Amino acid sequence: TETGTWVSPQQLAQRYRETAAAGEVSDRAAHDREWTFGHLVAD
């Protein structure tokens, strides 16, 4: 679309699929991106 070409919604609809739910994280301290640590040591 940004480069001047258009594909109709009907064509695009043939490729539509609902996003699958992802599995839950297990070890939060090592694997949760939103985990906050009490202290950082960086060598």
All heavy atoms as atom14 arrays in JSON, in Angstrom:
{
  "sequence": "TETGTWVSPQQLAQRYRETAAAGEVSDRAAHDREWTFGHLVAD",
  "atom14_mask": [
    [1, 1, 1, 1, 1, 1, 1, 0, 0, 0, 0, 0, 0, 0],
    [1, 1, 1, 1, 1, 1, 1, 1, 1, 0, 0, 0, 0, 0],
    [1, 1, 1, 1, 1, 1, 1, 0, 0, 0, 0, 0, 0, 0],
    [1, 1, 1, 1, 0, 0, 0, 0, 0, 0, 0, 0, 0, 0],
    [1, 1, 1, 1, 1, 1, 1, 0, 0, 0, 0, 0, 0, 0],
    [1, 1, 1, 1, 1, 1, 1, 1, 1, 1, 1, 1, 1, 1],
    [1, 1, 1, 1, 1, 1, 1, 0, 0, 0, 0, 0, 0, 0],
    [1, 1, 1, 1, 1, 1, 0, 0, 0, 0, 0, 0, 0, 0],
    [1, 1, 1, 1, 1, 1, 1, 0, 0, 0, 0, 0, 0, 0],
    [1, 1, 1, 1, 1, 1, 1, 1, 1, 0, 0, 0, 0, 0],
    [1, 1, 1, 1, 1, 1, 1, 1, 1, 0, 0, 0, 0, 0],
    [1, 1, 1, 1, 1, 1, 1, 1, 0, 0, 0, 0, 0, 0],
    [1, 1, 1, 1, 1, 0, 0, 0, 0, 0, 0, 0, 0, 0],
    [1, 1, 1, 1, 1, 1, 1, 1, 1, 0, 0, 0, 0, 0],
    [1, 1, 1, 1, 1, 1, 1, 1, 1, 1, 1, 0, 0, 0],
    [1, 1, 1, 1, 1, 1, 1, 1, 1, 1, 1, 1, 0, 0],
    [1, 1, 1, 1, 1, 1, 1, 1, 1, 1, 1, 0, 0, 0],
    [1, 1, 1, 1, 1, 1, 1, 1, 1, 0, 0, 0, 0, 0],
    [1, 1, 1, 1, 1, 1, 1, 0, 0, 0, 0, 0, 0, 0],
    [1, 1, 1, 1, 1, 0, 0, 0, 0, 0, 0, 0, 0, 0],
    [1, 1, 1, 1, 1, 0, 0, 0, 0, 0, 0, 0, 0, 0],
    [1, 1, 1, 1, 1, 0, 0, 0, 0, 0, 0, 0, 0, 0],
    [1, 1, 1, 1, 0, 0, 0, 0, 0, 0, 0, 0, 0, 0],
    [1, 1, 1, 1, 1, 1, 1, 1, 1, 0, 0, 0, 0, 0],
    [1, 1, 1, 1, 1, 1, 1, 0, 0, 0, 0, 0, 0, 0],
    [1, 1, 1, 1, 1, 1, 0, 0, 0, 0, 0, 0, 0, 0],
    [1, 1, 1, 1, 1, 1, 1, 1, 0, 0, 0, 0, 0, 0],
    [1, 1, 1, 1, 1, 1, 1, 1, 1, 1, 1, 0, 0, 0],
    [1, 1, 1, 1, 1, 0, 0, 0, 0, 0, 0, 0, 0, 0],
    [1, 1, 1, 1, 1, 0, 0, 0, 0, 0, 0, 0, 0, 0],
    [1, 1, 1, 1, 1, 1, 1, 1, 1, 1, 0, 0, 0, 0],
    [1, 1, 1, 1, 1, 1, 1, 1, 0, 0, 0, 0, 0, 0],
    [1, 1, 1, 1, 1, 1, 1, 1, 1, 1, 1, 0, 0, 0],
    [1, 1, 1, 1, 1, 1, 1, 1, 1, 0, 0, 0, 0, 0],
    [1, 1, 1, 1, 1, 1, 1, 1, 1, 1, 1, 1, 1, 1],
    [1, 1, 1, 1, 1, 1, 1, 0, 0, 0, 0, 0, 0, 0],
    [1, 1, 1, 1, 1, 1, 1, 1, 1, 1, 1, 0, 0, 0],
    [1, 1, 1, 1, 0, 0, 0, 0, 0, 0, 0, 0, 0, 0],
    [1, 1, 1, 1, 1, 1, 1, 1, 1, 1, 0, 0, 0, 0],
    [1, 1, 1, 1, 1, 1, 1, 1, 0, 0, 0, 0, 0, 0],
    [1, 1, 1, 1, 1, 1, 1, 0, 0, 0, 0, 0, 0, 0],
    [1, 1, 1, 1, 1, 0, 0, 0, 0, 0, 0, 0, 0, 0],
    [1, 1, 1, 1, 1, 1, 1, 1, 0, 0, 0, 0, 0, 0]
  ],
  "atom14_positions": [
    [[0.84, -1.2, 0.0], [0.0, 0.0, 0.0], [0.87, 1.25, 0.0], [0.61, 2.22, -0.71], [-0.92, 0.0, 1.24], [-1.69, -1.19, 1.23], [-1.84, 1.2, 1.23], [0.0, 0.0, 0.0], [0.0, 0.0, 0.0], [0.0, 0.0, 0.0], [0.0, 0.0, 0.0], [0.0, 0.0, 0.0], [0.0, 0.0, 0.0], [0.0, 0.0, 0.0]],
    [[1.95, 1.21, 0.82], [2.82, 2.37, 0.91], [3.6, 2.59, -0.37], [4.06, 3.69, -0.64], [3.78, 2.19, 2.09], [3.08, 2.26, 3.44], [4.01, 2.01, 4.6], [5.15, 1.58, 4.35], [3.6, 2.24, 5.75], [0.0, 0.0, 0.0], [0.0, 0.0, 0.0], [0.0, 0.0, 0.0], [0.0, 0.0, 0.0], [0.0, 0.0, 0.0]],
    [[3.76, 1.54, -1.19], [4.52, 1.7, -2.43], [3.61, 1.76, -3.65], [4.06, 1.6, -4.77], [5.51, 0.53, -2.59], [4.81, -0.71, -2.51], [6.56, 0.58, -1.51], [0.0, 0.0, 0.0], [0.0, 0.0, 0.0], [0.0, 0.0, 0.0], [0.0, 0.0, 0.0], [0.0, 0.0, 0.0], [0.0, 0.0, 0.0], [0.0, 0.0, 0.0]],
    [[2.3, 1.94, -3.42], [1.39, 2.19, -4.53], [0.64, 0.99, -5.05], [-0.06, 1.09, -6.05], [0.0, 0.0, 0.0], [0.0, 0.0, 0.0], [0.0, 0.0, 0.0], [0.0, 0.0, 0.0], [0.0, 0.0, 0.0], [0.0, 0.0, 0.0], [0.0, 0.0, 0.0], [0.0, 0.0, 0.0], [0.0, 0.0, 0.0], [0.0, 0.0, 0.0]],
    [[0.76, -0.18, -4.43], [0.07, -1.38, -4.88], [-1.05, -1.71, -3.91], [-0.9, -1.53, -2.71], [1.04, -2.56, -4.97], [2.14, -2.17, -5.78], [0.38, -3.77, -5.58], [0.0, 0.0, 0.0], [0.0, 0.0, 0.0], [0.0, 0.0, 0.0], [0.0, 0.0, 0.0], [0.0, 0.0, 0.0], [0.0, 0.0, 0.0], [0.0, 0.0, 0.0]],
    [[-2.17, -2.21, -4.39], [-3.31, -2.51, -3.52], [-3.75, -3.95, -3.72], [-3.84, -4.45, -4.84], [-4.49, -1.58, -3.8], [-5.69, -1.93, -2.97], [-6.84, -2.49, -3.39], [-5.83, -1.78, -1.57], [-7.7, -2.7, -2.36], [-7.1, -2.27, -1.21], [-4.99, -1.28, -0.56], [-7.57, -2.27, 0.1], [-5.46, -1.28, 0.74], [-6.73, -1.77, 1.05]],
    [[-4.0, -4.65, -2.61], [-4.58, -5.99, -2.64], [-5.92, -5.89, -1.95], [-6.04, -5.3, -0.88], [-3.68, -7.0, -1.91], [-4.34, -8.37, -1.88], [-2.33, -7.08, -2.61], [0.0, 0.0, 0.0], [0.0, 0.0, 0.0], [0.0, 0.0, 0.0], [0.0, 0.0, 0.0], [0.0, 0.0, 0.0], [0.0, 0.0, 0.0], [0.0, 0.0, 0.0]],
    [[-6.95, -6.48, -2.54], [-8.29, -6.33, -1.99], [-8.43, -7.1, -0.68], [-7.73, -8.09, -0.45], [-9.32, -6.87, -2.99], [-9.23, -8.29, -3.02], [0.0, 0.0, 0.0], [0.0, 0.0, 0.0], [0.0, 0.0, 0.0], [0.0, 0.0, 0.0], [0.0, 0.0, 0.0], [0.0, 0.0, 0.0], [0.0, 0.0, 0.0], [0.0, 0.0, 0.0]],
    [[-9.34, -6.67, 0.2], [-9.59, -7.41, 1.44], [-10.0, -8.85, 1.17], [-9.7, -9.74, 1.95], [-10.72, -6.61, 2.09], [-10.57, -5.23, 1.55], [-10.09, -5.42, 0.14], [0.0, 0.0, 0.0], [0.0, 0.0, 0.0], [0.0, 0.0, 0.0], [0.0, 0.0, 0.0], [0.0, 0.0, 0.0], [0.0, 0.0, 0.0], [0.0, 0.0, 0.0]],
    [[-10.68, -9.09, 0.04], [-11.1, -10.46, -0.26], [-9.9, -11.37, -0.5], [-9.88, -12.52, -0.05], [-12.02, -10.45, -1.49], [-13.41, -9.88, -1.23], [-13.38, -8.36, -1.09], [-12.45, -7.71, -1.56], [-14.41, -7.8, -0.46], [0.0, 0.0, 0.0], [0.0, 0.0, 0.0], [0.0, 0.0, 0.0], [0.0, 0.0, 0.0], [0.0, 0.0, 0.0]],
    [[-8.89, -10.84, -1.21], [-7.69, -11.64, -1.43], [-6.94, -11.89, -0.11], [-6.46, -12.98, 0.16], [-6.75, -10.92, -2.41], [-7.3, -10.87, -3.83], [-6.44, -10.0, -4.71], [-6.21, -8.83, -4.4], [-5.97, -10.57, -5.8], [0.0, 0.0, 0.0], [0.0, 0.0, 0.0], [0.0, 0.0, 0.0], [0.0, 0.0, 0.0], [0.0, 0.0, 0.0]],
    [[-6.85, -10.84, 0.69], [-6.16, -10.96, 1.95], [-6.89, -11.92, 2.89], [-6.26, -12.65, 3.66], [-6.04, -9.57, 2.61], [-5.25, -9.5, 3.91], [-3.82, -9.94, 3.69], [-5.29, -8.09, 4.46], [0.0, 0.0, 0.0], [0.0, 0.0, 0.0], [0.0, 0.0, 0.0], [0.0, 0.0, 0.0], [0.0, 0.0, 0.0], [0.0, 0.0, 0.0]],
    [[-8.21, -11.96, 2.8], [-9.01, -12.79, 3.71], [-8.66, -14.26, 3.58], [-8.8, -15.02, 4.54], [-10.5, -12.59, 3.42], [0.0, 0.0, 0.0], [0.0, 0.0, 0.0], [0.0, 0.0, 0.0], [0.0, 0.0, 0.0], [0.0, 0.0, 0.0], [0.0, 0.0, 0.0], [0.0, 0.0, 0.0], [0.0, 0.0, 0.0], [0.0, 0.0, 0.0]],
    [[-8.22, -14.68, 2.41], [-7.9, -16.09, 2.22], [-6.71, -16.52, 3.07], [-6.49, -17.7, 3.3], [-7.59, -16.34, 0.74], [-8.77, -16.05, -0.16], [-8.4, -16.18, -1.62], [-7.34, -16.69, -1.95], [-9.27, -15.73, -2.49], [0.0, 0.0, 0.0], [0.0, 0.0, 0.0], [0.0, 0.0, 0.0], [0.0, 0.0, 0.0], [0.0, 0.0, 0.0]],
    [[-5.9, -15.55, 3.53], [-4.71, -15.88, 4.32], [-4.91, -15.61, 5.81], [-3.98, -15.74, 6.59], [-3.53, -15.03, 3.83], [-3.17, -15.28, 2.38], [-2.58, -16.66, 2.19], [-1.33, -16.81, 2.92], [-0.15, -16.43, 2.44], [-0.06, -15.91, 1.23], [0.93, -16.6, 3.16], [0.0, 0.0, 0.0], [0.0, 0.0, 0.0], [0.0, 0.0, 0.0]],
    [[-6.13, -15.25, 6.19], [-6.36, -14.84, 7.58], [-6.38, -16.04, 8.52], [-6.93, -17.08, 8.2], [-7.7, -14.08, 7.69], [-7.94, -13.57, 9.1], [-7.35, -12.38, 9.51], [-8.72, -14.28, 9.99], [-7.54, -11.92, 10.79], [-8.91, -13.83, 11.27], [-8.32, -12.65, 11.67], [-8.51, -12.19, 12.94], [0.0, 0.0, 0.0], [0.0, 0.0, 0.0]],
    [[-5.78, -15.87, 9.66], [-5.84, -16.89, 10.71], [-5.73, -16.19, 12.05], [-4.94, -15.27, 12.21], [-4.7, -17.9, 10.56], [-4.76, -19.0, 11.64], [-3.69, -20.04, 11.38], [-2.37, -19.49, 11.46], [-1.71, -19.29, 12.61], [-2.28, -19.59, 13.76], [-0.5, -18.78, 12.62], [0.0, 0.0, 0.0], [0.0, 0.0, 0.0], [0.0, 0.0, 0.0]],
    [[-6.52, -16.64, 13.04], [-6.46, -16.04, 14.37], [-5.11, -16.35, 15.03], [-4.56, -17.43, 14.87], [-7.58, -16.61, 15.27], [-8.98, -16.22, 14.83], [-9.26, -14.76, 15.1], [-8.46, -14.13, 15.83], [-10.25, -14.25, 14.58], [0.0, 0.0, 0.0], [0.0, 0.0, 0.0], [0.0, 0.0, 0.0], [0.0, 0.0, 0.0], [0.0, 0.0, 0.0]],
    [[-4.58, -15.37, 15.75], [-3.32, -15.56, 16.45], [-3.5, -16.56, 17.58], [-4.39, -16.43, 18.4], [-2.83, -14.22, 17.02], [-2.71, -13.3, 15.95], [-1.49, -14.38, 17.72], [0.0, 0.0, 0.0], [0.0, 0.0, 0.0], [0.0, 0.0, 0.0], [0.0, 0.0, 0.0], [0.0, 0.0, 0.0], [0.0, 0.0, 0.0], [0.0, 0.0, 0.0]],
    [[-2.63, -17.57, 17.62], [-2.72, -18.57, 18.68], [-2.16, -18.02, 19.98], [-1.25, -17.2, 19.98], [-1.94, -19.82, 18.27], [0.0, 0.0, 0.0], [0.0, 0.0, 0.0], [0.0, 0.0, 0.0], [0.0, 0.0, 0.0], [0.0, 0.0, 0.0], [0.0, 0.0, 0.0], [0.0, 0.0, 0.0], [0.0, 0.0, 0.0], [0.0, 0.0, 0.0]],
    [[-2.76, -18.44, 21.05], [-2.27, -18.02, 22.36], [-0.94, -18.68, 22.65], [-0.72, -19.84, 22.34], [-3.28, -18.38, 23.45], [0.0, 0.0, 0.0], [0.0, 0.0, 0.0], [0.0, 0.0, 0.0], [0.0, 0.0, 0.0], [0.0, 0.0, 0.0], [0.0, 0.0, 0.0], [0.0, 0.0, 0.0], [0.0, 0.0, 0.0], [0.0, 0.0, 0.0]],
    [[-0.04, -17.91, 23.24], [1.28, -18.45, 23.56], [1.28, -19.1, 24.92], [0.44, -18.83, 25.76], [2.31, -17.32, 23.52], [0.0, 0.0, 0.0], [0.0, 0.0, 0.0], [0.0, 0.0, 0.0], [0.0, 0.0, 0.0], [0.0, 0.0, 0.0], [0.0, 0.0, 0.0], [0.0, 0.0, 0.0], [0.0, 0.0, 0.0], [0.0, 0.0, 0.0]],
    [[2.22, -19.99, 25.13], [2.33, -20.66, 26.42], [2.82, -19.72, 27.5], [3.4, -18.67, 27.24], [0.0, 0.0, 0.0], [0.0, 0.0, 0.0], [0.0, 0.0, 0.0], [0.0, 0.0, 0.0], [0.0, 0.0, 0.0], [0.0, 0.0, 0.0], [0.0, 0.0, 0.0], [0.0, 0.0, 0.0], [0.0, 0.0, 0.0], [0.0, 0.0, 0.0]],
    [[2.56, -20.08, 28.7], [2.96, -19.25, 29.82], [4.44, -19.46, 30.14], [5.0, -20.52, 29.93], [2.09, -19.56, 31.04], [0.63, -19.22, 30.85], [-0.15, -19.38, 32.14], [0.49, -19.6, 33.19], [-1.37, -19.28, 32.08], [0.0, 0.0, 0.0], [0.0, 0.0, 0.0], [0.0, 0.0, 0.0], [0.0, 0.0, 0.0], [0.0, 0.0, 0.0]],
    [[5.03, -18.41, 30.67], [6.43, -18.53, 31.06], [6.52, -19.32, 32.35], [5.6, -19.38, 33.13], [7.04, -17.12, 31.27], [7.09, -16.37, 29.97], [6.25, -16.34, 32.31], [0.0, 0.0, 0.0], [0.0, 0.0, 0.0], [0.0, 0.0, 0.0], [0.0, 0.0, 0.0], [0.0, 0.0, 0.0], [0.0, 0.0, 0.0], [0.0, 0.0, 0.0]],
    [[7.69, -19.97, 32.57], [7.85, -20.81, 33.75], [8.71, -20.11, 34.8], [8.18, -19.63, 35.8], [8.44, -22.16, 33.35], [9.62, -21.97, 32.6], [0.0, 0.0, 0.0], [0.0, 0.0, 0.0], [0.0, 0.0, 0.0], [0.0, 0.0, 0.0], [0.0, 0.0, 0.0], [0.0, 0.0, 0.0], [0.0, 0.0, 0.0], [0.0, 0.0, 0.0]],
    [[9.98, -20.04, 34.56], [10.89, -19.48, 35.56], [10.94, -17.96, 35.39], [11.66, -17.44, 34.56], [12.28, -20.08, 35.38], [13.24, -19.64, 36.45], [12.84, -18.85, 37.32], [14.4, -20.09, 36.41], [0.0, 0.0, 0.0], [0.0, 0.0, 0.0], [0.0, 0.0, 0.0], [0.0, 0.0, 0.0], [0.0, 0.0, 0.0], [0.0, 0.0, 0.0]],
    [[10.22, -17.23, 36.24], [10.05, -15.8, 36.03], [11.37, -15.04, 36.17], [11.67, -14.15, 35.37], [9.03, -15.23, 37.01], [7.6, -15.69, 36.73], [6.6, -14.99, 37.65], [6.57, -13.56, 37.43], [5.89, -12.95, 36.46], [5.21, -13.69, 35.59], [5.9, -11.65, 36.35], [0.0, 0.0, 0.0], [0.0, 0.0, 0.0], [0.0, 0.0, 0.0]],
    [[12.15, -15.36, 37.14], [13.37, -14.58, 37.37], [14.29, -14.6, 36.16], [14.92, -13.6, 35.84], [14.11, -15.1, 38.6], [0.0, 0.0, 0.0], [0.0, 0.0, 0.0], [0.0, 0.0, 0.0], [0.0, 0.0, 0.0], [0.0, 0.0, 0.0], [0.0, 0.0, 0.0], [0.0, 0.0, 0.0], [0.0, 0.0, 0.0], [0.0, 0.0, 0.0]],
    [[14.39, -15.75, 35.49], [15.31, -15.86, 34.36], [14.62, -15.63, 33.02], [15.29, -15.3, 32.05], [15.98, -17.23, 34.36], [0.0, 0.0, 0.0], [0.0, 0.0, 0.0], [0.0, 0.0, 0.0], [0.0, 0.0, 0.0], [0.0, 0.0, 0.0], [0.0, 0.0, 0.0], [0.0, 0.0, 0.0], [0.0, 0.0, 0.0], [0.0, 0.0, 0.0]],
    [[13.31, -15.79, 32.97], [12.63, -15.82, 31.67], [11.51, -14.79, 31.51], [10.94, -14.69, 30.43], [12.07, -17.22, 31.4], [13.11, -18.29, 31.43], [13.34, -19.09, 32.51], [14.02, -18.66, 30.49], [14.33, -19.92, 32.25], [14.75, -19.68, 31.03], [0.0, 0.0, 0.0], [0.0, 0.0, 0.0], [0.0, 0.0, 0.0], [0.0, 0.0, 0.0]],
    [[11.17, -14.06, 32.55], [10.12, -13.06, 32.43], [10.75, -11.71, 32.11], [11.51, -11.16, 32.92], [9.32, -12.99, 33.74], [8.16, -12.0, 33.67], [8.02, -11.33, 32.62], [7.4, -11.9, 34.64], [0.0, 0.0, 0.0], [0.0, 0.0, 0.0], [0.0, 0.0, 0.0], [0.0, 0.0, 0.0], [0.0, 0.0, 0.0], [0.0, 0.0, 0.0]],
    [[10.46, -11.17, 30.96], [11.06, -9.9, 30.56], [10.69, -8.76, 31.5], [11.43, -7.77, 31.62], [10.61, -9.55, 29.12], [11.46, -8.47, 28.45], [10.75, -7.89, 27.25], [9.62, -7.09, 27.64], [9.68, -5.82, 28.04], [10.84, -5.21, 28.09], [8.61, -5.16, 28.38], [0.0, 0.0, 0.0], [0.0, 0.0, 0.0], [0.0, 0.0, 0.0]],
    [[9.56, -8.86, 32.14], [9.11, -7.78, 33.02], [9.54, -7.97, 34.47], [9.19, -7.18, 35.33], [7.59, -7.65, 32.93], [7.12, -7.26, 31.52], [5.61, -7.11, 31.42], [4.93, -7.42, 32.42], [5.13, -6.68, 30.37], [0.0, 0.0, 0.0], [0.0, 0.0, 0.0], [0.0, 0.0, 0.0], [0.0, 0.0, 0.0], [0.0, 0.0, 0.0]],
    [[10.31, -9.02, 34.73], [10.81, -9.24, 36.08], [11.78, -8.11, 36.44], [12.61, -7.7, 35.64], [11.54, -10.57, 36.15], [12.0, -10.92, 37.53], [13.2, -10.6, 38.1], [11.28, -11.65, 38.5], [13.27, -11.08, 39.37], [12.1, -11.74, 39.65], [10.02, -12.24, 38.53], [11.69, -12.4, 40.81], [9.62, -12.9, 39.67], [10.44, -12.97, 40.79]],
    [[11.68, -7.58, 37.65], [12.6, -6.55, 38.11], [13.47, -7.11, 39.22], [12.98, -7.75, 40.15], [11.86, -5.3, 38.61], [10.95, -5.66, 39.65], [11.09, -4.66, 37.48], [0.0, 0.0, 0.0], [0.0, 0.0, 0.0], [0.0, 0.0, 0.0], [0.0, 0.0, 0.0], [0.0, 0.0, 0.0], [0.0, 0.0, 0.0], [0.0, 0.0, 0.0]],
    [[14.77, -6.89, 39.1], [15.74, -7.41, 40.05], [16.03, -6.39, 41.14], [15.85, -5.18, 40.96], [17.03, -7.79, 39.33], [16.9, -8.98, 38.44], [16.48, -8.85, 37.12], [17.21, -10.26, 38.9], [16.36, -9.95, 36.29], [17.09, -11.36, 38.08], [16.66, -11.21, 36.78], [0.0, 0.0, 0.0], [0.0, 0.0, 0.0], [0.0, 0.0, 0.0]],
    [[16.54, -6.91, 42.27], [16.87, -6.03, 43.38], [18.19, -5.31, 43.2], [18.4, -4.22, 43.75], [0.0, 0.0, 0.0], [0.0, 0.0, 0.0], [0.0, 0.0, 0.0], [0.0, 0.0, 0.0], [0.0, 0.0, 0.0], [0.0, 0.0, 0.0], [0.0, 0.0, 0.0], [0.0, 0.0, 0.0], [0.0, 0.0, 0.0], [0.0, 0.0, 0.0]],
    [[19.1, -5.9, 42.43], [20.41, -5.28, 42.23], [21.01, -5.82, 40.94], [20.78, -6.96, 40.55], [21.34, -5.58, 43.4], [22.61, -4.78, 43.39], [22.65, -3.45, 43.78], [23.89, -5.11, 43.05], [23.9, -3.0, 43.68], [24.66, -3.99, 43.23], [0.0, 0.0, 0.0], [0.0, 0.0, 0.0], [0.0, 0.0, 0.0], [0.0, 0.0, 0.0]],
    [[21.78, -4.96, 40.28], [22.48, -5.32, 39.05], [23.98, -5.3, 39.3], [24.5, -4.33, 39.87], [22.13, -4.33, 37.93], [23.04, -4.32, 36.69], [22.88, -5.6, 35.9], [22.74, -3.1, 35.82], [0.0, 0.0, 0.0], [0.0, 0.0, 0.0], [0.0, 0.0, 0.0], [0.0, 0.0, 0.0], [0.0, 0.0, 0.0], [0.0, 0.0, 0.0]],
    [[24.66, -6.35, 38.88], [26.13, -6.37, 38.87], [26.55, -6.66, 37.43], [26.2, -7.7, 36.88], [26.71, -7.44, 39.82], [28.23, -7.48, 39.7], [26.31, -7.15, 41.26], [0.0, 0.0, 0.0], [0.0, 0.0, 0.0], [0.0, 0.0, 0.0], [0.0, 0.0, 0.0], [0.0, 0.0, 0.0], [0.0, 0.0, 0.0], [0.0, 0.0, 0.0]],
    [[27.28, -5.74, 36.84], [27.72, -5.9, 35.45], [29.23, -5.83, 35.39], [29.82, -4.8, 35.73], [27.1, -4.83, 34.55], [0.0, 0.0, 0.0], [0.0, 0.0, 0.0], [0.0, 0.0, 0.0], [0.0, 0.0, 0.0], [0.0, 0.0, 0.0], [0.0, 0.0, 0.0], [0.0, 0.0, 0.0], [0.0, 0.0, 0.0], [0.0, 0.0, 0.0]],
    [[29.85, -6.93, 34.98], [31.3, -6.94, 34.81], [31.62, -6.58, 33.36], [30.81, -6.77, 32.46], [31.86, -8.32, 35.14], [33.32, -8.26, 35.58], [33.97, -7.23, 35.28], [33.81, -9.21, 36.2], [0.0, 0.0, 0.0], [0.0, 0.0, 0.0], [0.0, 0.0, 0.0], [0.0, 0.0, 0.0], [0.0, 0.0, 0.0], [0.0, 0.0, 0.0]]
  ]
}
